[in-house]
Amino acid sequence: MADHFDQKPWLKSYDKHVSPNLTYPGKTYWELAKEAFIKFPDRAALHYMGHTFTFKQMDELSNRFANYLVRNGVKKGDVVGINLPNLPAYYISMLGVQKAGCVLSGVSPLLTTDELKNQLKDSGTKVLVALDALIPRWKAAVPGTGVKHVIATSIGDYLPPLKAKLGKMLKKFPTAELEPIEGVTVIPFMQVMRKTPAEKVEVKVGVDDVFAIQYTGGTTGLPKGAEITHRNFVSQITQFTTWVDMQMGVEVGQTAFPLFHIAGLMVSMSLFANAIPQIAIPNPRDQKMLISTFKKYKPDIIGNVPMVYLELMKLPEFRALDFSKLKYFASAAAPFPPEYIKEFEQIVGGAQLIEVYGLTETMIITALPRNGQKKPGSAGVPFPDTVIKIVDPSTGATMPFDEPGELIVRGPQVFSKGYYKKPEETANAVRDGWFHTGDIARMDKEGYVFIVDRLKDMVNVSGYKVFTRELDDVIMEHPDVFMGATVGVPDPDRPGNEMVATAIVLKPGIEKSDAEKTRIIGYLRDKVAPYKVPKKLEFMDQLPTSAVGKVLKRELRTILNPKAK
């Protein structure tokens, strides 16, 4: 039965250059991208700390990587894990993986030894590209996983000679001597690049073959590998580049999104496919590097997580930059606090802030229009060919406009194969063709989506629902608060019930004190219903965050849980 979501009210908010239905190329990623490498061989493809790679050089280097895989028995469909920050070896490897017909799997360098071992075993990774400085971790994790080759790179690889020499002498970057692992070939990345031929490699794969297995916490249990096909990924690139009106060969991009995260992977691969130079940022928290590379390369487009923008806003050097060439900032992976948006836009002038929303399994599904109406606090409207509904998580009934419920979605970018070797998890997440995100959201009558909370982060206070994301937004409007995050923890006074607990990072110069707690609690009593006021409030120097700057509420629950202490 048709409902109000089937009317697609969001289409009226599309920019004029965006069609509700797009034509998708029906190509694998490399079939799509190689046109840029052929047309613009001498154009800069990647800037890394003073070293610039052209598209021709990236093509040749990725050929060498692909040849290494093929000549060492790595076959079509085998998994290659990349366990690196944003270093040249990551960009080279992820292109080479596509040429060799293999499956890419991003592996966070922040994983513990046990987490790394679990992911390598679960994915069946055959080749691991890793950082030499992390050798104790991967040397302990690799045995017993099925990994046959470890290719180790260094932060100093591809640095200009003087920088590399000084870096080693002054110990500016960590390094380690490679050690053997029984039954595993351990080889330096630069040796692969020097000794493997650069002849063309293009192992044939189909559009419905797996492009990548990207790991996500999902809704329950251990991390799961989301299988993303070439059709899913190329559809997403088509949607994204259309939405932001990306122009082939005429822009420069800077992003600190880690490549092992789906947002960083998609943006980087989109830039390559559109012959757009990109700037490698190994450490997204290195604000000096972000500012210096901005000055040097003058990017037109920038993509970061909100935390990076919030930290940059504190710096006079950032506020003093010339943003006149910049077209837009993209923000993803976490909500941009609405109370900071106006200040941010005043700093950057006419550049647009485009918030996007998605998950590993879906990639981007909503975004604010490039030129159209921006609603603070909104994640925007659905991408072309993407349909969203807001439903009651208990009954599946569609919710009225402006009423919260679980966001479900379908579209060409939503993973079509499900979770790797986890049919039960897949069946739980995908029902009747709809992916259930586990996010609580509402949609207004114009089709703009507002993310309210994660379903698992919603707090039940004696039967009353508290959406922590909404409470966080109210808390961060307080003039003394820089950052705040709310979770539900067991109520020691009422067994079986939860209470609201909040952690707050105060702005510089504001003293942590009981009097400050009293002021903030008093402010909240005037702003929200009594059952939403935190029963527990703690000041922290910083909130626990992931590699992409997302607050880790699971860790925060442990920190604030009175029973855990």
Protein backbone atom coordinates (compact mmCIF):
# COMPACT_ATOMS: atom_id res chain seq x y z
CA MET A 1 0.00 0.00 0.00
CA ALA A 2 1.33 3.44 -0.95
CA ASP A 3 2.10 5.88 1.84
CA HIS A 4 3.33 9.47 2.17
CA PHE A 5 6.99 8.37 1.76
CA ASP A 6 6.17 6.87 -1.64
CA GLN A 7 5.32 10.40 -2.80
CA LYS A 8 9.03 11.27 -2.40
CA PRO A 9 8.56 14.81 -1.04
CA TRP A 10 12.34 15.28 -1.07
CA LEU A 11 12.47 15.54 -4.88
CA LYS A 12 11.25 19.15 -4.67
CA SER A 13 14.44 20.05 -2.79
CA TYR A 14 16.85 18.70 -5.42
CA ASP A 15 19.25 21.10 -7.12
CA LYS A 16 18.47 21.72 -10.79
CA HIS A 17 21.49 19.73 -11.98
CA VAL A 18 20.35 16.57 -10.12
CA SER A 19 17.89 14.18 -11.73
CA PRO A 20 15.70 11.95 -9.52
CA ASN A 21 16.82 8.97 -11.60
CA LEU A 22 20.37 8.56 -12.85
CA THR A 23 21.96 6.47 -15.56
CA TYR A 24 24.57 4.15 -14.09
CA PRO A 25 27.53 3.08 -16.23
CA GLY A 26 27.37 -0.68 -15.58
CA LYS A 27 31.15 -0.87 -15.11
CA THR A 28 33.51 -2.20 -12.47
CA TYR A 29 35.46 0.41 -10.52
CA TRP A 30 38.64 0.13 -12.61
CA GLU A 31 36.67 0.18 -15.87
CA LEU A 32 35.18 3.45 -14.64
CA ALA A 33 38.38 5.00 -13.33
CA LYS A 34 40.92 4.14 -16.00
CA GLU A 35 39.52 6.81 -18.34
CA ALA A 36 40.89 9.47 -15.99
CA PHE A 37 44.33 7.81 -15.93
CA ILE A 38 44.38 7.64 -19.74
CA LYS A 39 43.14 11.18 -20.37
CA PHE A 40 45.22 12.99 -17.73
CA PRO A 41 48.54 11.07 -17.39
CA ASP A 42 50.58 14.14 -16.44
CA ARG A 43 48.06 15.61 -14.04
CA ALA A 44 48.88 15.42 -10.32
CA ALA A 45 46.99 12.53 -8.72
CA LEU A 46 48.33 12.53 -5.14
CA HIS A 47 50.28 14.94 -2.97
CA TYR A 48 52.13 13.47 0.02
CA MET A 49 54.31 15.67 2.24
CA GLY A 50 56.12 17.33 -0.66
CA HIS A 51 56.05 14.38 -3.08
CA THR A 52 53.62 14.55 -5.99
CA PHE A 53 52.51 11.48 -7.96
CA THR A 54 51.03 11.95 -11.43
CA PHE A 55 48.21 9.76 -12.73
CA LYS A 56 50.72 8.00 -14.96
CA GLN A 57 52.94 7.23 -11.99
CA MET A 58 50.03 5.97 -9.89
CA ASP A 59 48.98 3.78 -12.81
CA GLU A 60 52.46 2.27 -13.09
CA LEU A 61 52.93 1.80 -9.34
CA SER A 62 49.54 0.14 -8.94
CA ASN A 63 50.43 -2.12 -11.90
CA ARG A 64 53.51 -3.23 -9.96
CA PHE A 65 51.38 -4.04 -6.93
CA ALA A 66 48.86 -5.93 -9.07
CA ASN A 67 51.68 -7.87 -10.75
CA TYR A 68 53.06 -8.88 -7.37
CA LEU A 69 49.67 -10.30 -6.40
CA VAL A 70 49.15 -12.18 -9.66
CA ARG A 71 52.72 -13.57 -9.79
CA ASN A 72 52.43 -14.85 -6.23
CA GLY A 73 49.30 -16.86 -6.76
CA VAL A 74 46.76 -14.40 -5.41
CA LYS A 75 43.63 -15.07 -7.40
CA LYS A 76 40.49 -13.25 -8.48
CA GLY A 77 38.24 -12.77 -5.47
CA ASP A 78 41.00 -13.20 -2.86
CA VAL A 79 40.97 -10.62 -0.08
CA VAL A 80 43.75 -8.07 0.35
CA GLY A 81 43.69 -6.21 3.66
CA ILE A 82 45.25 -2.75 3.99
CA ASN A 83 46.21 -1.92 7.58
CA LEU A 84 47.55 1.61 7.17
CA PRO A 85 46.89 5.28 7.75
CA ASN A 86 46.60 7.42 4.60
CA LEU A 87 50.04 6.75 3.15
CA PRO A 88 51.02 6.44 -0.53
CA ALA A 89 51.12 2.65 -0.20
CA TYR A 90 47.40 2.66 0.65
CA TYR A 91 46.42 4.57 -2.50
CA ILE A 92 48.73 2.46 -4.68
CA SER A 93 47.53 -0.82 -3.15
CA MET A 94 43.81 -0.11 -3.37
CA LEU A 95 44.15 0.63 -7.09
CA GLY A 96 46.33 -2.43 -7.62
CA VAL A 97 43.81 -4.63 -5.84
CA GLN A 98 41.19 -3.64 -8.41
CA LYS A 99 43.48 -4.38 -11.35
CA ALA A 100 44.28 -7.83 -9.94
CA GLY A 101 40.58 -8.64 -9.57
CA CYS A 102 40.90 -9.00 -5.81
CA VAL A 103 38.67 -7.82 -2.98
CA LEU A 104 39.73 -4.84 -0.88
CA SER A 105 39.33 -4.84 2.90
CA GLY A 106 40.16 -1.77 4.97
CA VAL A 107 41.78 -2.62 8.32
CA SER A 108 42.06 0.07 10.97
CA PRO A 109 45.61 0.54 12.33
CA LEU A 110 43.98 1.22 15.71
CA LEU A 111 42.76 -2.38 16.12
CA THR A 112 44.19 -4.42 18.98
CA THR A 113 46.05 -7.65 18.22
CA ASP A 114 42.95 -9.74 18.98
CA GLU A 115 40.69 -7.48 16.89
CA LEU A 116 43.13 -7.60 13.99
CA LYS A 117 43.37 -11.39 14.17
CA ASN A 118 39.58 -11.76 14.25
CA GLN A 119 39.12 -9.56 11.18
CA LEU A 120 41.88 -11.27 9.18
CA LYS A 121 40.43 -14.72 9.97
CA ASP A 122 36.84 -13.74 9.32
CA SER A 123 37.59 -12.11 5.95
CA GLY A 124 39.99 -14.84 4.81
CA THR A 125 42.62 -12.22 4.01
CA LYS A 126 45.47 -13.60 1.89
CA VAL A 127 47.68 -10.49 1.68
CA LEU A 128 48.13 -7.81 4.33
CA VAL A 129 49.66 -4.41 3.59
CA ALA A 130 50.79 -3.05 6.95
CA LEU A 131 52.84 -0.38 8.68
CA ASP A 132 56.33 -1.47 9.72
CA ALA A 133 56.05 0.42 13.01
CA LEU A 134 53.15 -1.86 14.03
CA ILE A 135 55.12 -5.09 13.52
CA PRO A 136 54.63 -6.39 17.10
CA ARG A 137 50.86 -6.23 16.56
CA TRP A 138 50.60 -7.85 13.16
CA LYS A 139 53.37 -10.37 13.83
CA ALA A 140 51.27 -11.66 16.73
CA ALA A 141 47.98 -11.47 14.80
CA VAL A 142 48.90 -13.03 11.45
CA PRO A 143 49.78 -16.65 12.41
CA GLY A 144 46.81 -18.98 12.01
CA THR A 145 44.78 -16.54 9.91
CA GLY A 146 45.48 -17.65 6.34
CA VAL A 147 47.55 -14.56 5.51
CA LYS A 148 50.37 -15.65 3.17
CA HIS A 149 52.03 -12.31 2.42
CA VAL A 150 52.72 -9.23 4.53
CA ILE A 151 53.90 -6.19 2.59
CA ALA A 152 55.28 -3.60 4.98
CA THR A 153 55.52 0.09 4.29
CA SER A 154 56.96 3.00 6.28
CA ILE A 155 55.82 6.54 6.89
CA GLY A 156 59.11 7.57 5.28
CA ASP A 157 58.43 5.74 2.02
CA TYR A 158 58.07 8.28 -0.79
CA LEU A 159 59.07 11.24 1.35
CA PRO A 160 61.44 13.63 -0.46
CA PRO A 161 65.02 12.42 0.25
CA LEU A 162 65.97 15.23 2.65
CA LYS A 163 62.74 14.88 4.64
CA ALA A 164 63.18 11.11 4.82
CA LYS A 165 66.79 11.40 6.01
CA LEU A 166 66.01 14.04 8.64
CA GLY A 167 62.92 12.14 9.74
CA LYS A 168 64.96 9.03 10.46
CA MET A 169 67.82 10.93 12.12
CA LEU A 170 65.53 12.96 14.35
CA LYS A 171 63.10 10.05 14.88
CA LYS A 172 60.22 12.14 13.59
CA PHE A 173 58.33 9.04 12.54
CA PRO A 174 58.32 5.51 13.98
CA THR A 175 60.05 2.67 12.14
CA ALA A 176 60.86 -0.96 12.92
CA GLU A 177 62.99 -3.72 11.46
CA LEU A 178 60.99 -6.40 9.68
CA GLU A 179 60.95 -9.81 11.32
CA PRO A 180 60.15 -13.18 9.72
CA ILE A 181 56.86 -15.00 10.32
CA GLU A 182 56.89 -18.75 9.79
CA GLY A 183 55.03 -19.72 6.63
CA VAL A 184 54.46 -16.09 5.62
CA THR A 185 56.37 -13.96 3.10
CA VAL A 186 57.29 -10.64 4.73
CA ILE A 187 58.57 -8.08 2.23
CA PRO A 188 59.08 -4.28 2.17
CA PHE A 189 56.62 -2.37 0.03
CA MET A 190 59.43 -0.47 -1.69
CA GLN A 191 61.06 -3.75 -2.72
CA VAL A 192 57.81 -4.76 -4.42
CA MET A 193 57.79 -1.41 -6.22
CA ARG A 194 61.42 -1.73 -7.35
CA LYS A 195 61.51 -5.38 -8.42
CA THR A 196 58.04 -6.04 -9.85
CA PRO A 197 57.36 -5.00 -13.47
CA ALA A 198 54.92 -2.24 -14.29
CA GLU A 199 53.28 -4.03 -17.20
CA LYS A 200 49.51 -3.64 -17.53
CA VAL A 201 47.28 -5.91 -15.41
CA GLU A 202 43.51 -6.14 -15.75
CA VAL A 203 41.98 -9.31 -14.35
CA LYS A 204 38.38 -9.47 -15.57
CA VAL A 205 35.67 -9.18 -12.90
CA GLY A 206 31.95 -8.52 -13.15
CA VAL A 207 29.84 -5.66 -11.83
CA ASP A 208 28.15 -8.00 -9.35
CA ASP A 209 31.45 -9.34 -8.02
CA VAL A 210 32.59 -8.07 -4.63
CA PHE A 211 34.57 -4.83 -4.71
CA ALA A 212 35.28 -4.62 -0.97
CA ILE A 213 34.54 -6.20 2.39
CA GLN A 214 34.30 -3.34 4.86
CA TYR A 215 33.89 -4.11 8.54
CA THR A 216 31.24 -2.55 10.73
CA GLY A 217 29.89 -3.09 14.22
CA GLY A 218 26.39 -3.39 12.74
CA THR A 219 23.59 -3.70 15.25
CA THR A 220 24.79 -6.67 17.33
CA GLY A 221 27.83 -8.78 18.19
CA LEU A 222 31.34 -8.76 16.71
CA PRO A 223 32.21 -6.61 13.68
CA LYS A 224 30.80 -7.97 10.42
CA GLY A 225 32.11 -7.69 6.91
CA ALA A 226 29.71 -5.83 4.59
CA GLU A 227 30.15 -7.11 1.02
CA ILE A 228 29.98 -4.18 -1.37
CA THR A 229 29.82 -5.03 -5.07
CA HIS A 230 31.29 -3.05 -7.95
CA ARG A 231 27.72 -2.17 -8.94
CA ASN A 232 27.03 -0.81 -5.44
CA PHE A 233 30.25 1.19 -5.35
CA VAL A 234 30.07 2.64 -8.87
CA SER A 235 26.41 3.54 -8.27
CA GLN A 236 27.48 5.46 -5.18
CA ILE A 237 30.24 7.29 -7.04
CA THR A 238 27.71 8.23 -9.75
CA GLN A 239 25.27 9.54 -7.13
CA PHE A 240 27.91 11.43 -5.17
CA THR A 241 29.67 13.08 -8.12
CA THR A 242 26.31 14.09 -9.61
CA TRP A 243 25.07 15.50 -6.30
CA VAL A 244 28.10 17.73 -5.70
CA ASP A 245 28.49 18.51 -9.42
CA MET A 246 32.09 17.23 -9.44
CA GLN A 247 33.96 18.41 -12.52
CA MET A 248 36.47 16.02 -14.08
CA GLY A 249 40.02 17.27 -14.04
CA VAL A 250 39.37 20.79 -12.79
CA GLU A 251 39.32 20.55 -8.98
CA VAL A 252 41.62 19.67 -6.05
CA GLY A 253 40.42 17.66 -3.06
CA GLN A 254 41.63 17.47 0.52
CA THR A 255 40.21 14.94 2.93
CA ALA A 256 41.38 13.57 6.26
CA PHE A 257 38.86 10.70 6.19
CA PRO A 258 40.84 7.50 6.87
CA LEU A 259 40.88 5.29 3.78
CA PHE A 260 40.00 2.21 5.86
CA HIS A 261 36.63 3.90 6.59
CA ILE A 262 33.99 3.65 3.86
CA ALA A 263 33.67 7.45 3.64
CA GLY A 264 37.39 7.92 3.00
CA LEU A 265 37.48 5.06 0.52
CA MET A 266 34.51 6.33 -1.49
CA VAL A 267 35.70 9.94 -1.62
CA SER A 268 39.26 9.00 -2.59
CA MET A 269 38.12 6.57 -5.30
CA SER A 270 35.69 9.21 -6.61
CA LEU A 271 38.53 11.74 -6.91
CA PHE A 272 40.71 9.27 -8.80
CA ALA A 273 37.84 8.42 -11.16
CA ASN A 274 37.39 12.13 -11.90
CA ALA A 275 41.07 12.98 -12.43
CA ILE A 276 41.07 15.19 -9.32
CA PRO A 277 44.33 15.54 -7.34
CA GLN A 278 44.02 14.62 -3.67
CA ILE A 279 46.14 15.37 -0.63
CA ALA A 280 47.18 12.48 1.63
CA ILE A 281 46.67 13.27 5.31
CA PRO A 282 48.17 10.42 7.39
CA ASN A 283 47.01 11.86 10.72
CA PRO A 284 43.58 13.55 10.70
CA ARG A 285 44.39 15.14 14.06
CA ASP A 286 47.44 16.94 12.66
CA GLN A 287 45.85 20.37 12.35
CA LYS A 288 49.11 22.05 11.34
CA MET A 289 49.40 19.74 8.34
CA LEU A 290 45.78 20.34 7.36
CA ILE A 291 46.37 24.09 7.40
CA SER A 292 49.76 23.99 5.64
CA THR A 293 48.52 21.72 2.83
CA PHE A 294 45.47 23.94 2.42
CA LYS A 295 47.76 26.92 1.91
CA LYS A 296 50.05 25.07 -0.49
CA TYR A 297 47.56 23.21 -2.70
CA LYS A 298 44.48 25.46 -2.41
CA PRO A 299 41.81 22.72 -2.56
CA ASP A 300 38.37 23.41 -4.02
CA ILE A 301 36.66 20.68 -2.00
CA ILE A 302 37.29 19.40 1.52
CA GLY A 303 35.87 16.42 3.39
CA ASN A 304 36.26 15.73 7.10
CA VAL A 305 34.44 14.46 10.16
CA PRO A 306 32.86 17.18 12.32
CA MET A 307 35.44 16.74 15.11
CA VAL A 308 38.22 17.82 12.73
CA TYR A 309 36.30 20.97 11.80
CA LEU A 310 35.52 21.76 15.45
CA GLU A 311 39.18 21.48 16.42
CA LEU A 312 40.26 23.63 13.47
CA MET A 313 37.75 26.32 14.45
CA LYS A 314 39.71 26.87 17.66
CA LEU A 315 42.82 27.92 15.73
CA PRO A 316 43.44 31.53 14.64
CA GLU A 317 45.54 30.16 11.73
CA PHE A 318 42.49 28.35 10.37
CA ARG A 319 40.24 31.36 10.76
CA ALA A 320 42.77 33.47 8.86
CA LEU A 321 42.86 31.22 5.77
CA ASP A 322 41.63 32.45 2.39
CA PHE A 323 38.56 30.34 1.58
CA SER A 324 37.56 32.29 -1.53
CA LYS A 325 38.51 29.43 -3.91
CA LEU A 326 36.75 26.76 -1.87
CA LYS A 327 33.47 25.40 -3.24
CA TYR A 328 32.22 23.24 -0.39
CA PHE A 329 33.04 21.36 2.78
CA ALA A 330 31.61 17.85 3.17
CA SER A 331 30.95 16.51 6.66
CA ALA A 332 30.28 12.83 7.36
CA ALA A 333 30.51 9.91 9.82
CA ALA A 334 28.96 11.87 12.70
CA PRO A 335 26.48 14.76 13.08
CA PHE A 336 27.84 18.30 12.86
CA PRO A 337 26.57 20.04 16.02
CA PRO A 338 23.92 22.53 14.79
CA GLU A 339 24.99 25.21 17.26
CA TYR A 340 28.43 25.43 15.59
CA ILE A 341 27.22 25.55 11.99
CA LYS A 342 26.57 29.30 11.84
CA GLU A 343 29.97 30.12 13.34
CA PHE A 344 31.68 27.71 10.94
CA GLU A 345 29.95 29.22 7.92
CA GLN A 346 30.94 32.71 9.05
CA ILE A 347 34.59 31.59 9.16
CA VAL A 348 34.61 29.98 5.71
CA GLY A 349 32.51 32.63 4.00
CA GLY A 350 30.58 31.56 0.92
CA ALA A 351 31.70 27.90 0.93
CA GLN A 352 28.83 25.50 1.50
CA LEU A 353 28.72 22.94 4.31
CA ILE A 354 27.21 19.72 2.97
CA GLU A 355 26.34 17.18 5.63
CA VAL A 356 25.87 13.60 4.50
CA TYR A 357 24.54 10.52 6.24
CA GLY A 358 25.11 6.83 5.63
CA LEU A 359 26.46 3.59 7.00
CA THR A 360 29.08 1.11 5.88
CA GLU A 361 26.35 -1.10 4.45
CA THR A 362 24.64 1.73 2.56
CA MET A 363 27.37 4.31 1.97
CA ILE A 364 25.78 7.77 1.56
CA ILE A 365 21.98 7.75 1.47
CA THR A 366 21.12 11.37 2.31
CA ALA A 367 22.88 14.71 1.88
CA LEU A 368 22.12 18.39 2.08
CA PRO A 369 21.74 19.88 -1.42
CA ARG A 370 24.90 21.43 -2.84
CA ASN A 371 23.12 24.73 -3.64
CA GLY A 372 19.67 24.36 -2.12
CA GLN A 373 18.17 24.82 1.31
CA LYS A 374 20.33 23.86 4.29
CA LYS A 375 18.42 22.97 7.43
CA PRO A 376 20.70 23.01 10.51
CA GLY A 377 20.68 19.64 12.24
CA SER A 378 19.41 17.84 9.15
CA ALA A 379 21.25 15.06 7.31
CA GLY A 380 19.60 16.26 4.11
CA VAL A 381 17.39 14.44 1.63
CA PRO A 382 17.71 11.03 -0.06
CA PHE A 383 20.09 10.59 -2.99
CA PRO A 384 18.68 9.86 -6.47
CA ASP A 385 17.10 6.41 -6.82
CA THR A 386 17.16 6.07 -3.03
CA VAL A 387 13.94 5.56 -1.06
CA ILE A 388 13.64 6.05 2.68
CA LYS A 389 10.85 5.29 5.10
CA ILE A 390 10.50 5.94 8.81
CA VAL A 391 8.80 3.03 10.55
CA ASP A 392 7.81 1.89 14.01
CA PRO A 393 10.65 -0.48 14.99
CA SER A 394 8.22 -2.76 16.79
CA THR A 395 5.40 -3.04 14.24
CA GLY A 396 6.94 -1.87 10.95
CA ALA A 397 4.10 0.63 10.45
CA THR A 398 5.10 3.87 8.72
CA MET A 399 5.34 6.89 10.98
CA PRO A 400 3.78 10.30 10.24
CA PHE A 401 6.00 13.17 9.15
CA ASP A 402 8.03 14.64 12.03
CA GLU A 403 7.50 11.53 14.19
CA PRO A 404 10.60 9.47 15.09
CA GLY A 405 11.01 5.85 14.06
CA GLU A 406 13.61 3.53 12.53
CA LEU A 407 15.02 4.63 9.19
CA ILE A 408 14.88 1.93 6.50
CA VAL A 409 16.29 2.33 3.00
CA ARG A 410 16.72 0.77 -0.41
CA GLY A 411 18.79 1.96 -3.35
CA PRO A 412 21.49 0.85 -5.80
CA GLN A 413 24.29 1.76 -3.38
CA VAL A 414 22.93 -0.39 -0.52
CA PHE A 415 24.99 -3.56 -0.17
CA SER A 416 23.39 -6.29 -2.22
CA LYS A 417 25.23 -9.38 -0.96
CA GLY A 418 24.85 -8.79 2.77
CA TYR A 419 27.32 -9.64 5.51
CA TYR A 420 30.18 -11.97 4.59
CA LYS A 421 29.31 -15.54 5.64
CA LYS A 422 26.62 -14.30 8.05
CA PRO A 423 23.22 -15.17 6.53
CA GLU A 424 21.33 -14.76 9.82
CA GLU A 425 22.73 -11.28 10.40
CA THR A 426 21.91 -10.40 6.79
CA ALA A 427 18.33 -11.67 7.14
CA ASN A 428 17.91 -9.61 10.32
CA ALA A 429 19.16 -6.43 8.65
CA VAL A 430 17.53 -6.79 5.21
CA ARG A 431 13.80 -7.51 5.27
CA ASP A 432 11.53 -7.46 2.22
CA GLY A 433 14.22 -5.60 0.29
CA TRP A 434 14.65 -2.86 2.90
CA PHE A 435 17.84 -2.36 4.89
CA HIS A 436 17.06 -1.57 8.52
CA THR A 437 19.65 0.94 9.68
CA GLY A 438 19.07 0.76 13.43
CA ASP A 439 18.96 4.57 13.42
CA ILE A 440 16.06 6.52 14.85
CA ALA A 441 15.15 9.43 12.57
CA ARG A 442 12.31 11.68 11.56
CA MET A 443 11.45 13.22 8.21
CA ASP A 444 9.73 16.57 7.76
CA LYS A 445 7.11 17.29 5.09
CA GLU A 446 9.78 18.55 2.69
CA GLY A 447 11.65 15.25 2.87
CA TYR A 448 14.55 16.41 5.05
CA VAL A 449 15.86 13.71 7.38
CA PHE A 450 16.88 14.38 10.97
CA ILE A 451 18.82 11.62 12.75
CA VAL A 452 17.53 11.38 16.31
CA ASP A 453 19.54 8.50 17.76
CA ARG A 454 20.82 4.99 17.32
CA LEU A 455 18.11 2.52 18.24
CA LYS A 456 20.52 0.91 20.69
CA ASP A 457 21.43 4.32 22.19
CA MET A 458 17.85 5.24 23.03
CA VAL A 459 17.40 5.31 26.83
CA ASN A 460 14.31 3.88 28.49
CA VAL A 461 13.60 5.80 31.69
CA SER A 462 10.67 4.08 33.40
CA GLY A 463 8.93 3.63 30.05
CA TYR A 464 9.79 7.11 28.72
CA LYS A 465 12.00 7.25 25.62
CA VAL A 466 15.00 9.55 25.74
CA PHE A 467 16.73 10.14 22.39
CA THR A 468 20.30 10.87 23.38
CA ARG A 469 21.25 12.66 20.15
CA GLU A 470 18.51 15.28 20.73
CA LEU A 471 19.65 15.74 24.32
CA ASP A 472 23.27 16.09 23.18
CA ASP A 473 22.25 18.93 20.85
CA VAL A 474 20.55 20.77 23.73
CA ILE A 475 23.56 20.28 26.01
CA MET A 476 25.95 21.65 23.41
CA GLU A 477 23.96 24.87 23.15
CA HIS A 478 25.14 25.74 26.68
CA PRO A 479 27.80 28.48 26.40
CA ASP A 480 30.27 26.62 28.66
CA VAL A 481 30.11 23.29 26.79
CA PHE A 482 32.48 22.33 23.99
CA MET A 483 31.28 18.75 23.58
CA GLY A 484 28.73 16.53 25.29
CA ALA A 485 27.50 12.96 24.90
CA THR A 486 24.68 11.11 26.63
CA VAL A 487 24.11 7.40 27.24
CA GLY A 488 21.85 5.19 29.29
CA VAL A 489 23.32 3.27 32.24
CA PRO A 490 21.73 1.01 34.87
CA ASP A 491 19.97 2.97 37.64
CA PRO A 492 21.39 1.67 40.95
CA ASP A 493 18.34 2.92 42.82
CA ARG A 494 15.84 1.24 40.50
CA PRO A 495 16.94 -2.24 39.42
CA GLY A 496 15.93 -3.07 35.86
CA ASN A 497 15.68 0.59 34.85
CA GLU A 498 18.04 2.96 33.11
CA MET A 499 19.07 6.48 33.98
CA VAL A 500 20.42 9.25 31.78
CA ALA A 501 24.18 9.85 32.12
CA THR A 502 26.12 12.59 30.36
CA ALA A 503 29.83 13.29 29.87
CA ILE A 504 30.86 16.86 29.09
CA VAL A 505 34.05 18.51 27.84
CA LEU A 506 34.04 22.15 28.93
CA LYS A 507 35.36 25.00 26.81
CA PRO A 508 38.88 26.26 27.59
CA GLY A 509 38.93 28.46 30.68
CA ILE A 510 35.80 26.97 32.26
CA GLU A 511 36.59 25.32 35.59
CA LYS A 512 35.32 21.86 36.46
CA SER A 513 33.35 22.31 39.66
CA ASP A 514 30.16 21.33 41.46
CA ALA A 515 28.89 24.84 40.84
CA GLU A 516 29.36 24.36 37.08
CA LYS A 517 27.47 21.06 37.24
CA THR A 518 24.65 22.80 39.05
CA ARG A 519 24.50 25.52 36.38
CA ILE A 520 24.33 22.99 33.54
CA ILE A 521 21.70 20.84 35.28
CA GLY A 522 19.64 23.96 35.97
CA TYR A 523 19.88 24.94 32.32
CA LEU A 524 18.67 21.49 31.24
CA ARG A 525 15.74 21.56 33.65
CA ASP A 526 14.53 24.65 31.81
CA LYS A 527 15.04 23.05 28.39
CA VAL A 528 13.86 19.42 28.57
CA ALA A 529 11.32 17.24 30.35
CA PRO A 530 12.33 16.13 33.87
CA TYR A 531 12.93 12.49 32.90
CA LYS A 532 15.50 13.62 30.29
CA VAL A 533 17.66 15.56 32.76
CA PRO A 534 20.87 13.57 33.42
CA LYS A 535 20.92 11.86 36.78
CA LYS A 536 24.67 11.50 36.40
CA LEU A 537 26.92 14.18 34.90
CA GLU A 538 30.70 13.98 34.69
CA PHE A 539 33.32 16.33 33.28
CA MET A 540 36.01 14.80 31.07
CA ASP A 541 39.10 16.18 29.35
CA GLN A 542 38.07 14.41 26.15
CA LEU A 543 35.41 11.98 24.99
CA PRO A 544 36.36 8.54 23.67
CA THR A 545 36.26 8.73 19.87
CA SER A 546 36.90 6.44 16.92
CA ALA A 547 39.50 7.01 14.21
CA VAL A 548 36.96 9.11 12.31
CA GLY A 549 36.02 11.26 15.31
CA LYS A 550 32.74 9.54 16.18
CA VAL A 551 31.98 9.44 19.92
CA LEU A 552 32.20 5.84 21.12
CA LYS A 553 29.09 5.59 23.23
CA ARG A 554 29.77 1.94 24.01
CA GLU A 555 32.99 2.96 25.79
CA LEU A 556 31.23 5.90 27.39
CA ARG A 557 28.61 3.57 28.90
CA THR A 558 31.38 1.64 30.62
CA ILE A 559 33.01 4.82 31.90
CA LEU A 560 29.76 6.24 33.27
CA ASN A 561 28.23 2.96 34.48
CA PRO A 562 28.20 3.04 38.30
CA LYS A 563 28.20 -0.76 38.41
CA ALA A 564 31.39 -0.92 36.37
CA LYS A 565 33.36 0.93 39.03
